[in-house]
Amino acid sequence: NVCHCVLGIDDLNAVFRICKDFSEDWKFIGLELGIKKTTLDCIKKDCDNVKEMMLEMLASWLKRSEKQPVPSWNILLTTLSEYDRIKTTQIAGEIVCKCNIVN
């Protein structure tokens, strides 16, 4: 069971630490999280490297600046699992610990 607690912009650092290894796929992850392509294109234009792009994309998601579902660890983990199931399984343990869930 992964945490369904709502995430906000104050969680950006924790979310980025979990996601930084997925930075190469930042744009696809952003689309999966419900961020518009035009927003992602602006992020790409304004940033110098993929980690910075990932950070800005996550900030946009956490601010809910677009009409996407409420950000949660569960949504994030489900999205990341599309890109690397093994790595996602490892991070799931970290997320469970962050949310103080006992299995």
PDB file of N, CA and C in Angstrom:
ATOM      1  N   ASN A   1       0.838  -1.191   0.000  1.00  0.00           N
ATOM      2  CA  ASN A   1       0.000   0.000   0.000  1.00  0.00           C
ATOM      3  C   ASN A   1       0.875   1.244   0.000  1.00  0.00           C
ATOM      4  N   VAL A   2       0.708   2.086  -0.996  1.00  0.00           N
ATOM      5  CA  VAL A   2       1.478   3.316  -1.079  1.00  0.00           C
ATOM      6  C   VAL A   2       0.587   4.468  -0.648  1.00  0.00           C
ATOM      7  N   CYS A   3       1.199   5.454  -0.093  1.00  0.00           N
ATOM      8  CA  CYS A   3       0.499   6.593   0.475  1.00  0.00           C
ATOM      9  C   CYS A   3      -0.320   7.367  -0.555  1.00  0.00           C
ATOM     10  N   HIS A   4      -1.543   7.694  -0.171  1.00  0.00           N
ATOM     11  CA  HIS A   4      -2.415   8.508  -1.010  1.00  0.00           C
ATOM     12  C   HIS A   4      -2.446   9.952  -0.508  1.00  0.00           C
ATOM     13  N   CYS A   5      -1.557  10.303   0.438  1.00  0.00           N
ATOM     14  CA  CYS A   5      -1.589  11.658   0.982  1.00  0.00           C
ATOM     15  C   CYS A   5      -1.329  12.679  -0.128  1.00  0.00           C
ATOM     16  N   VAL A   6      -2.008  13.802  -0.027  1.00  0.00           N
ATOM     17  CA  VAL A   6      -1.900  14.863  -1.024  1.00  0.00           C
ATOM     18  C   VAL A   6      -0.540  15.536  -0.905  1.00  0.00           C
ATOM     19  N   LEU A   7       0.067  15.780  -2.066  1.00  0.00           N
ATOM     20  CA  LEU A   7       1.360  16.464  -2.119  1.00  0.00           C
ATOM     21  C   LEU A   7       1.145  17.898  -2.584  1.00  0.00           C
ATOM     22  N   GLY A   8       2.023  18.779  -2.119  1.00  0.00           N
ATOM     23  CA  GLY A   8       1.980  20.176  -2.543  1.00  0.00           C
ATOM     24  C   GLY A   8       3.380  20.666  -2.848  1.00  0.00           C
ATOM     25  N   ILE A   9       3.488  21.920  -3.195  1.00  0.00           N
ATOM     26  CA  ILE A   9       4.777  22.501  -3.585  1.00  0.00           C
ATOM     27  C   ILE A   9       5.815  22.382  -2.462  1.00  0.00           C
ATOM     28  N   ASP A  10       5.389  22.331  -1.228  1.00  0.00           N
ATOM     29  CA  ASP A  10       6.328  22.169  -0.109  1.00  0.00           C
ATOM     30  C   ASP A  10       7.013  20.805  -0.127  1.00  0.00           C
ATOM     31  N   ASP A  11       6.482  19.864  -0.892  1.00  0.00           N
ATOM     32  CA  ASP A  11       7.059  18.525  -1.001  1.00  0.00           C
ATOM     33  C   ASP A  11       8.015  18.395  -2.188  1.00  0.00           C
ATOM     34  N   LEU A  12       8.293  19.499  -2.865  1.00  0.00           N
ATOM     35  CA  LEU A  12       9.095  19.448  -4.094  1.00  0.00           C
ATOM     36  C   LEU A  12      10.444  18.770  -3.890  1.00  0.00           C
ATOM     37  N   ASN A  13      11.159  19.106  -2.845  1.00  0.00           N
ATOM     38  CA  ASN A  13      12.482  18.519  -2.627  1.00  0.00           C
ATOM     39  C   ASN A  13      12.400  16.996  -2.465  1.00  0.00           C
ATOM     40  N   ALA A  14      11.463  16.525  -1.669  1.00  0.00           N
ATOM     41  CA  ALA A  14      11.310  15.076  -1.452  1.00  0.00           C
ATOM     42  C   ALA A  14      10.905  14.371  -2.743  1.00  0.00           C
ATOM     43  N   VAL A  15       9.985  14.977  -3.492  1.00  0.00           N
ATOM     44  CA  VAL A  15       9.527  14.384  -4.754  1.00  0.00           C
ATOM     45  C   VAL A  15      10.666  14.367  -5.767  1.00  0.00           C
ATOM     46  N   PHE A  16      11.424  15.455  -5.845  1.00  0.00           N
ATOM     47  CA  PHE A  16      12.547  15.500  -6.791  1.00  0.00           C
ATOM     48  C   PHE A  16      13.598  14.445  -6.461  1.00  0.00           C
ATOM     49  N   ARG A  17      13.890  14.269  -5.172  1.00  0.00           N
ATOM     50  CA  ARG A  17      14.876  13.241  -4.786  1.00  0.00           C
ATOM     51  C   ARG A  17      14.451  11.859  -5.278  1.00  0.00           C
ATOM     52  N   ILE A  18      13.167  11.585  -5.224  1.00  0.00           N
ATOM     53  CA  ILE A  18      12.644  10.300  -5.684  1.00  0.00           C
ATOM     54  C   ILE A  18      12.730  10.201  -7.215  1.00  0.00           C
ATOM     55  N   CYS A  19      12.494  11.310  -7.899  1.00  0.00           N
ATOM     56  CA  CYS A  19      12.348  11.294  -9.364  1.00  0.00           C
ATOM     57  C   CYS A  19      13.604  11.608 -10.159  1.00  0.00           C
ATOM     58  N   LYS A  20      14.643  12.109  -9.520  1.00  0.00           N
ATOM     59  CA  LYS A  20      15.773  12.615 -10.304  1.00  0.00           C
ATOM     60  C   LYS A  20      16.410  11.572 -11.217  1.00  0.00           C
ATOM     61  N   ASP A  21      16.365  10.298 -10.842  1.00  0.00           N
ATOM     62  CA  ASP A  21      16.936   9.253 -11.697  1.00  0.00           C
ATOM     63  C   ASP A  21      16.101   8.998 -12.947  1.00  0.00           C
ATOM     64  N   PHE A  22      14.908   9.567 -13.005  1.00  0.00           N
ATOM     65  CA  PHE A  22      14.031   9.426 -14.163  1.00  0.00           C
ATOM     66  C   PHE A  22      14.086  10.671 -15.056  1.00  0.00           C
ATOM     67  N   SER A  23      15.052  11.550 -14.815  1.00  0.00           N
ATOM     68  CA  SER A  23      15.094  12.850 -15.489  1.00  0.00           C
ATOM     69  C   SER A  23      15.106  12.763 -17.009  1.00  0.00           C
ATOM     70  N   GLU A  24      15.729  11.735 -17.572  1.00  0.00           N
ATOM     71  CA  GLU A  24      15.768  11.606 -19.034  1.00  0.00           C
ATOM     72  C   GLU A  24      14.358  11.513 -19.622  1.00  0.00           C
ATOM     73  N   ASP A  25      13.418  11.007 -18.857  1.00  0.00           N
ATOM     74  CA  ASP A  25      12.033  10.837 -19.325  1.00  0.00           C
ATOM     75  C   ASP A  25      11.103  11.921 -18.799  1.00  0.00           C
ATOM     76  N   TRP A  26      11.647  13.051 -18.355  1.00  0.00           N
ATOM     77  CA  TRP A  26      10.870  14.082 -17.682  1.00  0.00           C
ATOM     78  C   TRP A  26       9.644  14.526 -18.479  1.00  0.00           C
ATOM     79  N   LYS A  27       9.795  14.670 -19.790  1.00  0.00           N
ATOM     80  CA  LYS A  27       8.690  15.193 -20.592  1.00  0.00           C
ATOM     81  C   LYS A  27       7.545  14.184 -20.691  1.00  0.00           C
ATOM     82  N   PHE A  28       7.884  12.910 -20.873  1.00  0.00           N
ATOM     83  CA  PHE A  28       6.858  11.873 -20.955  1.00  0.00           C
ATOM     84  C   PHE A  28       6.154  11.704 -19.611  1.00  0.00           C
ATOM     85  N   ILE A  29       6.929  11.766 -18.540  1.00  0.00           N
ATOM     86  CA  ILE A  29       6.353  11.671 -17.191  1.00  0.00           C
ATOM     87  C   ILE A  29       5.408  12.849 -16.951  1.00  0.00           C
ATOM     88  N   GLY A  30       5.830  14.035 -17.377  1.00  0.00           N
ATOM     89  CA  GLY A  30       4.979  15.216 -17.239  1.00  0.00           C
ATOM     90  C   GLY A  30       3.656  15.057 -17.964  1.00  0.00           C
ATOM     91  N   LEU A  31       3.702  14.520 -19.181  1.00  0.00           N
ATOM     92  CA  LEU A  31       2.458  14.280 -19.923  1.00  0.00           C
ATOM     93  C   LEU A  31       1.568  13.294 -19.180  1.00  0.00           C
ATOM     94  N   GLU A  32       2.178  12.227 -18.645  1.00  0.00           N
ATOM     95  CA  GLU A  32       1.414  11.225 -17.878  1.00  0.00           C
ATOM     96  C   GLU A  32       0.783  11.844 -16.634  1.00  0.00           C
ATOM     97  N   LEU A  33       1.452  12.818 -16.045  1.00  0.00           N
ATOM     98  CA  LEU A  33       0.932  13.467 -14.840  1.00  0.00           C
ATOM     99  C   LEU A  33      -0.121  14.524 -15.164  1.00  0.00           C
ATOM    100  N   GLY A  34      -0.374  14.753 -16.457  1.00  0.00           N
ATOM    101  CA  GLY A  34      -1.431  15.674 -16.848  1.00  0.00           C
ATOM    102  C   GLY A  34      -0.986  17.081 -17.171  1.00  0.00           C
ATOM    103  N   ILE A  35       0.303  17.280 -17.362  1.00  0.00           N
ATOM    104  CA  ILE A  35       0.804  18.611 -17.692  1.00  0.00           C
ATOM    105  C   ILE A  35       0.737  18.793 -19.208  1.00  0.00           C
ATOM    106  N   LYS A  36       0.267  19.944 -19.631  1.00  0.00           N
ATOM    107  CA  LYS A  36       0.102  20.214 -21.056  1.00  0.00           C
ATOM    108  C   LYS A  36       1.450  20.275 -21.770  1.00  0.00           C
ATOM    109  N   LYS A  37       1.445  19.832 -23.034  1.00  0.00           N
ATOM    110  CA  LYS A  37       2.657  19.839 -23.845  1.00  0.00           C
ATOM    111  C   LYS A  37       3.213  21.263 -23.979  1.00  0.00           C
ATOM    112  N   THR A  38       2.341  22.250 -24.106  1.00  0.00           N
ATOM    113  CA  THR A  38       2.820  23.636 -24.240  1.00  0.00           C
ATOM    114  C   THR A  38       3.596  24.074 -22.997  1.00  0.00           C
ATOM    115  N   THR A  39       3.142  23.651 -21.820  1.00  0.00           N
ATOM    116  CA  THR A  39       3.856  23.958 -20.577  1.00  0.00           C
ATOM    117  C   THR A  39       5.206  23.264 -20.570  1.00  0.00           C
ATOM    118  N   LEU A  40       5.226  22.001 -20.983  1.00  0.00           N
ATOM    119  CA  LEU A  40       6.479  21.241 -21.023  1.00  0.00           C
ATOM    120  C   LEU A  40       7.461  21.848 -22.030  1.00  0.00           C
ATOM    121  N   ASP A  41       6.951  22.330 -23.159  1.00  0.00           N
ATOM    122  CA  ASP A  41       7.811  22.983 -24.147  1.00  0.00           C
ATOM    123  C   ASP A  41       8.437  24.249 -23.583  1.00  0.00           C
ATOM    124  N   CYS A  42       7.670  25.015 -22.807  1.00  0.00           N
ATOM    125  CA  CYS A  42       8.200  26.226 -22.161  1.00  0.00           C
ATOM    126  C   CYS A  42       9.283  25.868 -21.149  1.00  0.00           C
ATOM    127  N   ILE A  43       9.045  24.812 -20.383  1.00  0.00           N
ATOM    128  CA  ILE A  43      10.043  24.360 -19.403  1.00  0.00           C
ATOM    129  C   ILE A  43      11.334  23.993 -20.126  1.00  0.00           C
ATOM    130  N   LYS A  44      11.210  23.254 -21.217  1.00  0.00           N
ATOM    131  CA  LYS A  44      12.403  22.836 -21.976  1.00  0.00           C
ATOM    132  C   LYS A  44      13.178  24.045 -22.482  1.00  0.00           C
ATOM    133  N   LYS A  45      12.463  25.051 -22.955  1.00  0.00           N
ATOM    134  CA  LYS A  45      13.091  26.247 -23.494  1.00  0.00           C
ATOM    135  C   LYS A  45      13.809  27.042 -22.399  1.00  0.00           C
ATOM    136  N   ASP A  46      13.248  27.045 -21.187  1.00  0.00           N
ATOM    137  CA  ASP A  46      13.766  27.878 -20.098  1.00  0.00           C
ATOM    138  C   ASP A  46      14.865  27.222 -19.264  1.00  0.00           C
ATOM    139  N   CYS A  47      15.072  25.915 -19.415  1.00  0.00           N
ATOM    140  CA  CYS A  47      16.013  25.192 -18.557  1.00  0.00           C
ATOM    141  C   CYS A  47      17.231  24.712 -19.347  1.00  0.00           C
ATOM    142  N   ASP A  48      18.331  24.506 -18.611  1.00  0.00           N
ATOM    143  CA  ASP A  48      19.597  24.129 -19.247  1.00  0.00           C
ATOM    144  C   ASP A  48      19.853  22.633 -19.326  1.00  0.00           C
ATOM    145  N   ASN A  49      19.259  21.849 -18.425  1.00  0.00           N
ATOM    146  CA  ASN A  49      19.550  20.410 -18.412  1.00  0.00           C
ATOM    147  C   ASN A  49      18.322  19.631 -17.952  1.00  0.00           C
ATOM    148  N   VAL A  50      18.367  18.306 -18.153  1.00  0.00           N
ATOM    149  CA  VAL A  50      17.177  17.488 -17.882  1.00  0.00           C
ATOM    150  C   VAL A  50      16.796  17.449 -16.399  1.00  0.00           C
ATOM    151  N   LYS A  51      17.763  17.543 -15.500  1.00  0.00           N
ATOM    152  CA  LYS A  51      17.405  17.537 -14.071  1.00  0.00           C
ATOM    153  C   LYS A  51      16.641  18.811 -13.711  1.00  0.00           C
ATOM    154  N   GLU A  52      17.081  19.924 -14.267  1.00  0.00           N
ATOM    155  CA  GLU A  52      16.374  21.183 -14.023  1.00  0.00           C
ATOM    156  C   GLU A  52      14.974  21.126 -14.649  1.00  0.00           C
ATOM    157  N   MET A  53      14.867  20.513 -15.817  1.00  0.00           N
ATOM    158  CA  MET A  53      13.565  20.358 -16.471  1.00  0.00           C
ATOM    159  C   MET A  53      12.641  19.492 -15.625  1.00  0.00           C
ATOM    160  N   MET A  54      13.185  18.405 -15.074  1.00  0.00           N
ATOM    161  CA  MET A  54      12.401  17.523 -14.200  1.00  0.00           C
ATOM    162  C   MET A  54      11.916  18.300 -12.982  1.00  0.00           C
ATOM    163  N   LEU A  55      12.803  19.077 -12.374  1.00  0.00           N
ATOM    164  CA  LEU A  55      12.451  19.858 -11.189  1.00  0.00           C
ATOM    165  C   LEU A  55      11.309  20.832 -11.503  1.00  0.00           C
ATOM    166  N   GLU A  56      11.418  21.559 -12.602  1.00  0.00           N
ATOM    167  CA  GLU A  56      10.386  22.531 -12.967  1.00  0.00           C
ATOM    168  C   GLU A  56       9.067  21.849 -13.333  1.00  0.00           C
ATOM    169  N   MET A  57       9.148  20.705 -14.000  1.00  0.00           N
ATOM    170  CA  MET A  57       7.935  19.961 -14.347  1.00  0.00           C
ATOM    171  C   MET A  57       7.228  19.502 -13.079  1.00  0.00           C
ATOM    172  N   LEU A  58       8.006  18.969 -12.117  1.00  0.00           N
ATOM    173  CA  LEU A  58       7.414  18.515 -10.855  1.00  0.00           C
ATOM    174  C   LEU A  58       6.802  19.681 -10.080  1.00  0.00           C
ATOM    175  N   ALA A  59       7.476  20.840 -10.107  1.00  0.00           N
ATOM    176  CA  ALA A  59       6.928  22.027  -9.432  1.00  0.00           C
ATOM    177  C   ALA A  59       5.586  22.403 -10.047  1.00  0.00           C
ATOM    178  N   SER A  60       5.494  22.343 -11.364  1.00  0.00           N
ATOM    179  CA  SER A  60       4.237  22.651 -12.045  1.00  0.00           C
ATOM    180  C   SER A  60       3.145  21.668 -11.623  1.00  0.00           C
ATOM    181  N   TRP A  61       3.508  20.388 -11.557  1.00  0.00           N
ATOM    182  CA  TRP A  61       2.544  19.355 -11.143  1.00  0.00           C
ATOM    183  C   TRP A  61       2.084  19.581  -9.710  1.00  0.00           C
ATOM    184  N   LEU A  62       3.030  19.848  -8.820  1.00  0.00           N
ATOM    185  CA  LEU A  62       2.693  20.018  -7.402  1.00  0.00           C
ATOM    186  C   LEU A  62       1.877  21.285  -7.144  1.00  0.00           C
ATOM    187  N   LYS A  63       2.054  22.295  -7.976  1.00  0.00           N
ATOM    188  CA  LYS A  63       1.278  23.529  -7.828  1.00  0.00           C
ATOM    189  C   LYS A  63      -0.124  23.381  -8.413  1.00  0.00           C
ATOM    190  N   ARG A  64      -0.329  22.274  -9.137  1.00  0.00           N
ATOM    191  CA  ARG A  64      -1.613  22.020  -9.801  1.00  0.00           C
ATOM    192  C   ARG A  64      -2.008  23.203 -10.648  1.00  0.00           C
ATOM    193  N   SER A  65      -1.053  23.702 -11.420  1.00  0.00           N
ATOM    194  CA  SER A  65      -1.330  24.847 -12.270  1.00  0.00           C
ATOM    195  C   SER A  65      -2.195  24.471 -13.470  1.00  0.00           C
ATOM    196  N   GLU A  66      -2.409  23.191 -13.662  1.00  0.00           N
ATOM    197  CA  GLU A  66      -3.292  22.720 -14.727  1.00  0.00           C
ATOM    198  C   GLU A  66      -4.299  21.750 -14.115  1.00  0.00           C
ATOM    199  N   LYS A  67      -5.301  21.386 -14.874  1.00  0.00           N
ATOM    200  CA  LYS A  67      -6.396  20.565 -14.328  1.00  0.00           C
ATOM    201  C   LYS A  67      -6.052  19.081 -14.351  1.00  0.00           C
ATOM    202  N   GLN A  68      -5.084  18.694 -13.534  1.00  0.00           N
ATOM    203  CA  GLN A  68      -4.741  17.283 -13.419  1.00  0.00           C
ATOM    204  C   GLN A  68      -5.208  16.778 -12.053  1.00  0.00           C
ATOM    205  N   PRO A  69      -5.214  15.454 -11.862  1.00  0.00           N
ATOM    206  CA  PRO A  69      -5.617  14.923 -10.550  1.00  0.00           C
ATOM    207  C   PRO A  69      -4.743  15.474  -9.420  1.00  0.00           C
ATOM    208  N   VAL A  70      -5.281  15.461  -8.217  1.00  0.00           N
ATOM    209  CA  VAL A  70      -4.545  15.938  -7.048  1.00  0.00           C
ATOM    210  C   VAL A  70      -3.253  15.122  -6.904  1.00  0.00           C
ATOM    211  N   PRO A  71      -2.094  15.788  -6.829  1.00  0.00           N
ATOM    212  CA  PRO A  71      -0.823  15.071  -6.714  1.00  0.00           C
ATOM    213  C   PRO A  71      -0.753  14.221  -5.438  1.00  0.00           C
ATOM    214  N   SER A  72      -0.274  12.995  -5.594  1.00  0.00           N
ATOM    215  CA  SER A  72      -0.065  12.100  -4.449  1.00  0.00           C
ATOM    216  C   SER A  72       1.105  11.182  -4.758  1.00  0.00           C
ATOM    217  N   TRP A  73       1.654  10.564  -3.707  1.00  0.00           N
ATOM    218  CA  TRP A  73       2.738   9.598  -3.915  1.00  0.00           C
ATOM    219  C   TRP A  73       2.245   8.446  -4.787  1.00  0.00           C
ATOM    220  N   ASN A  74       1.008   8.032  -4.588  1.00  0.00           N
ATOM    221  CA  ASN A  74       0.464   6.919  -5.352  1.00  0.00           C
ATOM    222  C   ASN A  74       0.441   7.215  -6.850  1.00  0.00           C
ATOM    223  N   ILE A  75      -0.044   8.395  -7.223  1.00  0.00           N
ATOM    224  CA  ILE A  75      -0.074   8.780  -8.639  1.00  0.00           C
ATOM    225  C   ILE A  75       1.343   8.827  -9.196  1.00  0.00           C
ATOM    226  N   LEU A  76       2.261   9.403  -8.440  1.00  0.00           N
ATOM    227  CA  LEU A  76       3.651   9.499  -8.892  1.00  0.00           C
ATOM    228  C   LEU A  76       4.261   8.119  -9.114  1.00  0.00           C
ATOM    229  N   LEU A  77       4.083   7.230  -8.158  1.00  0.00           N
ATOM    230  CA  LEU A  77       4.651   5.890  -8.260  1.00  0.00           C
ATOM    231  C   LEU A  77       4.050   5.107  -9.422  1.00  0.00           C
ATOM    232  N   THR A  78       2.751   5.236  -9.612  1.00  0.00           N
ATOM    233  CA  THR A  78       2.092   4.571 -10.733  1.00  0.00           C
ATOM    234  C   THR A  78       2.669   5.068 -12.055  1.00  0.00           C
ATOM    235  N   THR A  79       2.882   6.360 -12.163  1.00  0.00           N
ATOM    236  CA  THR A  79       3.444   6.947 -13.378  1.00  0.00           C
ATOM    237  C   THR A  79       4.878   6.474 -13.598  1.00  0.00           C
ATOM    238  N   LEU A  80       5.699   6.517 -12.560  1.00  0.00           N
ATOM    239  CA  LEU A  80       7.106   6.107 -12.694  1.00  0.00           C
ATOM    240  C   LEU A  80       7.235   4.635 -13.050  1.00  0.00           C
ATOM    241  N   SER A  81       6.300   3.813 -12.590  1.00  0.00           N
ATOM    242  CA  SER A  81       6.394   2.370 -12.842  1.00  0.00           C
ATOM    243  C   SER A  81       6.298   2.048 -14.335  1.00  0.00           C
ATOM    244  N   GLU A  82       5.742   2.962 -15.114  1.00  0.00           N
ATOM    245  CA  GLU A  82       5.684   2.769 -16.563  1.00  0.00           C
ATOM    246  C   GLU A  82       7.074   2.837 -17.196  1.00  0.00           C
ATOM    247  N   TYR A  83       8.032   3.423 -16.499  1.00  0.00           N
ATOM    248  CA  TYR A  83       9.365   3.647 -17.058  1.00  0.00           C
ATOM    249  C   TYR A  83      10.419   2.692 -16.522  1.00  0.00           C
ATOM    250  N   ASP A  84      10.283   2.261 -15.288  1.00  0.00           N
ATOM    251  CA  ASP A  84      11.269   1.336 -14.711  1.00  0.00           C
ATOM    252  C   ASP A  84      10.654   0.668 -13.491  1.00  0.00           C
ATOM    253  N   ARG A  85      10.116  -0.532 -13.693  1.00  0.00           N
ATOM    254  CA  ARG A  85       9.422  -1.231 -12.600  1.00  0.00           C
ATOM    255  C   ARG A  85      10.355  -1.609 -11.455  1.00  0.00           C
ATOM    256  N   ILE A  86      11.577  -2.024 -11.768  1.00  0.00           N
ATOM    257  CA  ILE A  86      12.512  -2.437 -10.713  1.00  0.00           C
ATOM    258  C   ILE A  86      12.873  -1.244  -9.832  1.00  0.00           C
ATOM    259  N   LYS A  87      13.245  -0.137 -10.457  1.00  0.00           N
ATOM    260  CA  LYS A  87      13.596   1.065  -9.700  1.00  0.00           C
ATOM    261  C   LYS A  87      12.385   1.555  -8.908  1.00  0.00           C
ATOM    262  N   THR A  88      11.204   1.474  -9.507  1.00  0.00           N
ATOM    263  CA  THR A  88       9.986   1.937  -8.845  1.00  0.00           C
ATOM    264  C   THR A  88       9.663   1.091  -7.623  1.00  0.00           C
ATOM    265  N   THR A  89       9.904  -0.205  -7.702  1.00  0.00           N
ATOM    266  CA  THR A  89       9.679  -1.078  -6.549  1.00  0.00           C
ATOM    267  C   THR A  89      10.587  -0.662  -5.390  1.00  0.00           C
ATOM    268  N   GLN A  90      11.819  -0.288  -5.710  1.00  0.00           N
ATOM    269  CA  GLN A  90      12.751   0.165  -4.665  1.00  0.00           C
ATOM    270  C   GLN A  90      12.272   1.469  -4.035  1.00  0.00           C
ATOM    271  N   ILE A  91      11.783   2.383  -4.870  1.00  0.00           N
ATOM    272  CA  ILE A  91      11.353   3.672  -4.327  1.00  0.00           C
ATOM    273  C   ILE A  91      10.064   3.532  -3.534  1.00  0.00           C
ATOM    274  N   ALA A  92       9.254   2.551  -3.870  1.00  0.00           N
ATOM    275  CA  ALA A  92       7.993   2.356  -3.144  1.00  0.00           C
ATOM    276  C   ALA A  92       8.257   2.195  -1.652  1.00  0.00           C
ATOM    277  N   GLY A  93       9.320   1.468  -1.307  1.00  0.00           N
ATOM    278  CA  GLY A  93       9.691   1.308   0.104  1.00  0.00           C
ATOM    279  C   GLY A  93      10.005   2.632   0.762  1.00  0.00           C
ATOM    280  N   GLU A  94      10.707   3.512   0.043  1.00  0.00           N
ATOM    281  CA  GLU A  94      11.025   4.839   0.578  1.00  0.00           C
ATOM    282  C   GLU A  94       9.754   5.657   0.795  1.00  0.00           C
ATOM    283  N   ILE A  95       8.849   5.569  -0.158  1.00  0.00           N
ATOM    284  CA  ILE A  95       7.609   6.334  -0.067  1.00  0.00           C
ATOM    285  C   ILE A  95       6.761   5.833   1.097  1.00  0.00           C
ATOM    286  N   VAL A  96       6.678   4.531   1.254  1.00  0.00           N
ATOM    287  CA  VAL A  96       5.915   3.960   2.368  1.00  0.00           C
ATOM    288  C   VAL A  96       6.488   4.455   3.681  1.00  0.00           C
ATOM    289  N   CYS A  97       7.817   4.486   3.799  1.00  0.00           N
ATOM    290  CA  CYS A  97       8.446   4.978   5.022  1.00  0.00           C
ATOM    291  C   CYS A  97       8.117   6.452   5.250  1.00  0.00           C
ATOM    292  N   LYS A  98       8.135   7.253   4.195  1.00  0.00           N
ATOM    293  CA  LYS A  98       7.840   8.681   4.322  1.00  0.00           C
ATOM    294  C   LYS A  98       6.426   8.917   4.854  1.00  0.00           C
ATOM    295  N   CYS A  99       5.521   8.018   4.484  1.00  0.00           N
ATOM    296  CA  CYS A  99       4.120   8.197   4.864  1.00  0.00           C
ATOM    297  C   CYS A  99       3.770   7.446   6.149  1.00  0.00           C
ATOM    298  N   ASN A 100       4.749   6.773   6.736  1.00  0.00           N
ATOM    299  CA  ASN A 100       4.534   6.024   7.989  1.00  0.00           C
ATOM    300  C   ASN A 100       3.444   4.978   7.862  1.00  0.00           C
ATOM    301  N   ILE A 101       3.437   4.278   6.741  1.00  0.00           N
ATOM    302  CA  ILE A 101       2.460   3.208   6.545  1.00  0.00           C
ATOM    303  C   ILE A 101       3.107   1.883   6.953  1.00  0.00           C
ATOM    304  N   VAL A 102       2.376   1.096   7.715  1.00  0.00           N
ATOM    305  CA  VAL A 102       2.858  -0.211   8.107  1.00  0.00           C
ATOM    306  C   VAL A 102       2.106  -1.240   7.285  1.00  0.00           C
ATOM    307  N   ASN A 103       2.847  -2.114   6.587  1.00  0.00           N
ATOM    308  CA  ASN A 103       2.188  -3.154   5.768  1.00  0.00           C
ATOM    309  C   ASN A 103       1.726  -4.298   6.638  1.00  0.00           C
TER     310      ASN A 103
END
